[in-house]
Every structure is written in C-alpha cells, then in structure tokens.
Amino acid sequence: MTHRDPPGIIAPHIPADAYRRADTTGAPVVIVVHHTDPTGRPLRHYLFPIAVAGAGVIGVFGLVATFIALLDFAVHTATVIAGAAGPIGIGGITLRLARGKHT
C-alpha cells in the first residue's frame, strides 16, 4: 500500500530521527516554513474591469460606426431620389432638388 498525503496544505516532513528524539525527550518540535505572502492584489482583480471596459469601448465604437454608415446610406438614398425626381412644382413654384450635370 502506498502512502498518499491528503489534499491541501499540510506540514512539511519531519525527519524520523528528529521526531523520535522529540518524542523520547518531550521536547517540542519547531517547524520553520519560509513563505512570503504576495504583496498587492493578484492580476485577476485588475483584468476583469479592464476586460469589461474594453468590451464597452468596442461596443461604443461599433455603434458610432453603424450610425455613420446609416447616415451615409441615407444621404446617398436622398441624393438618388432627388436626382431621379427632377424639379418639383407646386402652384407655380418650382424647386429643383438636385442640380443637373450640365447646368
């Protein structure tokens, strides 16, 4: 049967002779663990807000680009309709919507 350590943080291994000596004499066993806590916040605390802000910026950029494309389409459509309609006259007042090419 093989020995397996339980998952999680466990105490470091104590050599058998040190354990037996402490057990026979009753002396306490002192375990020194050299561990430094990370300073500051982990990167994932900063990454999520940056990702959300980046997605918002891309979304706003897409909305602006769509609005500009829609305005461009509307202007081209109005120009084509005005060019095809020619002059419009109501009650003796004539209004040219677009200039002719030879005028």
C-alpha atoms as a PDB file:
ATOM      1  CA  MET A   1       0.000   0.000   0.000  1.00  0.00           C
ATOM      2  CA  THR A   2       1.429   3.380  -0.962  1.00  0.00           C
ATOM      3  CA  HIS A   3       1.324   6.396   1.281  1.00  0.00           C
ATOM      4  CA  ARG A   4      -0.593   9.368  -0.062  1.00  0.00           C
ATOM      5  CA  ASP A   5      -0.798  12.799   1.502  1.00  0.00           C
ATOM      6  CA  PRO A   6      -4.226  14.343   1.905  1.00  0.00           C
ATOM      7  CA  PRO A   7      -5.032  17.246  -0.424  1.00  0.00           C
ATOM      8  CA  GLY A   8      -4.452  20.775   0.760  1.00  0.00           C
ATOM      9  CA  ILE A   9      -1.757  22.413   2.820  1.00  0.00           C
ATOM     10  CA  ILE A  10      -0.001  20.049   5.201  1.00  0.00           C
ATOM     11  CA  ALA A  11       3.006  20.380   7.472  1.00  0.00           C
ATOM     12  CA  PRO A  12       6.402  19.713   5.940  1.00  0.00           C
ATOM     13  CA  HIS A  13       8.028  16.342   6.512  1.00  0.00           C
ATOM     14  CA  ILE A  14       9.776  15.863   9.868  1.00  0.00           C
ATOM     15  CA  PRO A  15      12.784  13.511   9.731  1.00  0.00           C
ATOM     16  CA  ALA A  16      12.222  10.301  11.691  1.00  0.00           C
ATOM     17  CA  ASP A  17      15.233  10.711  13.977  1.00  0.00           C
ATOM     18  CA  ALA A  18      14.167  14.251  14.965  1.00  0.00           C
ATOM     19  CA  TYR A  19      10.641  13.031  15.661  1.00  0.00           C
ATOM     20  CA  ARG A  20      11.827  10.101  17.806  1.00  0.00           C
ATOM     21  CA  ARG A  21      14.242  12.308  19.735  1.00  0.00           C
ATOM     22  CA  ALA A  22      11.491  14.854  20.440  1.00  0.00           C
ATOM     23  CA  ASP A  23       9.107  12.052  21.385  1.00  0.00           C
ATOM     24  CA  THR A  24      11.516  10.473  23.885  1.00  0.00           C
ATOM     25  CA  THR A  25      12.709  13.720  25.463  1.00  0.00           C
ATOM     26  CA  GLY A  26       9.377  15.533  25.349  1.00  0.00           C
ATOM     27  CA  ALA A  27      10.938  18.496  23.589  1.00  0.00           C
ATOM     28  CA  PRO A  28       8.683  20.462  21.279  1.00  0.00           C
ATOM     29  CA  VAL A  29       9.203  20.180  17.537  1.00  0.00           C
ATOM     30  CA  VAL A  30       9.617  23.541  15.859  1.00  0.00           C
ATOM     31  CA  ILE A  31       8.797  23.683  12.178  1.00  0.00           C
ATOM     32  CA  VAL A  32      10.028  26.744  10.280  1.00  0.00           C
ATOM     33  CA  VAL A  33       8.327  27.385   6.967  1.00  0.00           C
ATOM     34  CA  HIS A  34       9.854  30.018   4.718  1.00  0.00           C
ATOM     35  CA  HIS A  35       6.916  31.529   2.955  1.00  0.00           C
ATOM     36  CA  THR A  36       6.307  35.053   1.718  1.00  0.00           C
ATOM     37  CA  ASP A  37       2.832  36.360   1.167  1.00  0.00           C
ATOM     38  CA  PRO A  38       2.326  38.004  -2.190  1.00  0.00           C
ATOM     39  CA  THR A  39       2.177  41.771  -1.892  1.00  0.00           C
ATOM     40  CA  GLY A  40      -0.544  43.653  -3.690  1.00  0.00           C
ATOM     41  CA  ARG A  41      -3.568  42.309  -5.470  1.00  0.00           C
ATOM     42  CA  PRO A  42      -3.465  39.447  -7.952  1.00  0.00           C
ATOM     43  CA  LEU A  43      -3.721  40.230 -11.650  1.00  0.00           C
ATOM     44  CA  ARG A  44      -7.241  38.803 -11.984  1.00  0.00           C
ATOM     45  CA  HIS A  45      -8.598  41.640  -9.806  1.00  0.00           C
ATOM     46  CA  TYR A  46      -7.454  44.126 -12.447  1.00  0.00           C
ATOM     47  CA  LEU A  47      -8.103  42.024 -15.537  1.00  0.00           C
ATOM     48  CA  PHE A  48     -11.892  41.768 -15.201  1.00  0.00           C
ATOM     49  CA  PRO A  49     -12.600  45.540 -15.048  1.00  0.00           C
ATOM     50  CA  ILE A  50     -10.181  46.151 -17.923  1.00  0.00           C
ATOM     51  CA  ALA A  51     -11.928  43.469 -19.995  1.00  0.00           C
ATOM     52  CA  VAL A  52     -15.358  44.971 -19.262  1.00  0.00           C
ATOM     53  CA  ALA A  53     -14.155  48.487 -20.133  1.00  0.00           C
ATOM     54  CA  GLY A  54     -12.538  47.203 -23.336  1.00  0.00           C
ATOM     55  CA  ALA A  55     -15.759  45.478 -24.367  1.00  0.00           C
ATOM     56  CA  GLY A  56     -17.674  48.694 -23.686  1.00  0.00           C
ATOM     57  CA  VAL A  57     -15.266  50.729 -25.799  1.00  0.00           C
ATOM     58  CA  ILE A  58     -15.530  48.245 -28.675  1.00  0.00           C
ATOM     59  CA  GLY A  59     -19.339  48.336 -28.387  1.00  0.00           C
ATOM     60  CA  VAL A  60     -19.472  52.138 -28.464  1.00  0.00           C
ATOM     61  CA  PHE A  61     -17.072  52.164 -31.425  1.00  0.00           C
ATOM     62  CA  GLY A  62     -19.368  49.715 -33.239  1.00  0.00           C
ATOM     63  CA  LEU A  63     -22.422  51.872 -32.517  1.00  0.00           C
ATOM     64  CA  VAL A  64     -20.698  55.000 -33.849  1.00  0.00           C
ATOM     65  CA  ALA A  65     -19.524  53.163 -36.979  1.00  0.00           C
ATOM     66  CA  THR A  66     -23.050  51.820 -37.573  1.00  0.00           C
ATOM     67  CA  PHE A  67     -24.577  55.269 -37.108  1.00  0.00           C
ATOM     68  CA  ILE A  68     -22.129  56.819 -39.578  1.00  0.00           C
ATOM     69  CA  ALA A  69     -22.803  54.042 -42.115  1.00  0.00           C
ATOM     70  CA  LEU A  70     -26.556  54.573 -41.702  1.00  0.00           C
ATOM     71  CA  LEU A  71     -26.198  58.328 -42.260  1.00  0.00           C
ATOM     72  CA  ASP A  72     -24.061  57.696 -45.337  1.00  0.00           C
ATOM     73  CA  PHE A  73     -26.685  55.327 -46.721  1.00  0.00           C
ATOM     74  CA  ALA A  74     -29.465  57.845 -46.014  1.00  0.00           C
ATOM     75  CA  VAL A  75     -27.584  60.666 -47.759  1.00  0.00           C
ATOM     76  CA  HIS A  76     -26.903  58.511 -50.823  1.00  0.00           C
ATOM     77  CA  THR A  77     -30.523  57.416 -50.945  1.00  0.00           C
ATOM     78  CA  ALA A  78     -31.772  61.017 -50.708  1.00  0.00           C
ATOM     79  CA  THR A  79     -29.358  62.062 -53.449  1.00  0.00           C
ATOM     80  CA  VAL A  80     -30.548  59.300 -55.793  1.00  0.00           C
ATOM     81  CA  ILE A  81     -34.205  60.084 -55.142  1.00  0.00           C
ATOM     82  CA  ALA A  82     -33.639  63.817 -55.656  1.00  0.00           C
ATOM     83  CA  GLY A  83     -31.730  63.201 -58.884  1.00  0.00           C
ATOM     84  CA  ALA A  84     -34.412  60.910 -60.258  1.00  0.00           C
ATOM     85  CA  ALA A  85     -37.337  63.162 -59.315  1.00  0.00           C
ATOM     86  CA  GLY A  86     -36.151  66.279 -61.145  1.00  0.00           C
ATOM     87  CA  PRO A  87     -37.785  69.619 -60.489  1.00  0.00           C
ATOM     88  CA  ILE A  88     -40.926  69.621 -58.352  1.00  0.00           C
ATOM     89  CA  GLY A  89     -43.541  72.284 -58.983  1.00  0.00           C
ATOM     90  CA  ILE A  90     -46.488  73.163 -56.773  1.00  0.00           C
ATOM     91  CA  GLY A  91     -48.757  76.095 -57.629  1.00  0.00           C
ATOM     92  CA  GLY A  92     -46.278  77.778 -59.953  1.00  0.00           C
ATOM     93  CA  ILE A  93     -43.284  77.486 -57.627  1.00  0.00           C
ATOM     94  CA  THR A  94     -40.645  75.183 -58.993  1.00  0.00           C
ATOM     95  CA  LEU A  95     -37.998  73.640 -56.741  1.00  0.00           C
ATOM     96  CA  ARG A  96     -35.029  71.779 -58.085  1.00  0.00           C
ATOM     97  CA  LEU A  97     -33.901  69.117 -55.629  1.00  0.00           C
ATOM     98  CA  ALA A  98     -30.606  68.403 -57.370  1.00  0.00           C
ATOM     99  CA  ARG A  99     -28.505  70.281 -59.895  1.00  0.00           C
ATOM    100  CA  GLY A 100     -28.194  68.855 -63.335  1.00  0.00           C
ATOM    101  CA  LYS A 101     -24.843  67.696 -64.665  1.00  0.00           C
ATOM    102  CA  HIS A 102     -24.810  70.296 -67.465  1.00  0.00           C
ATOM    103  CA  THR A 103     -26.019  73.319 -65.529  1.00  0.00           C
END
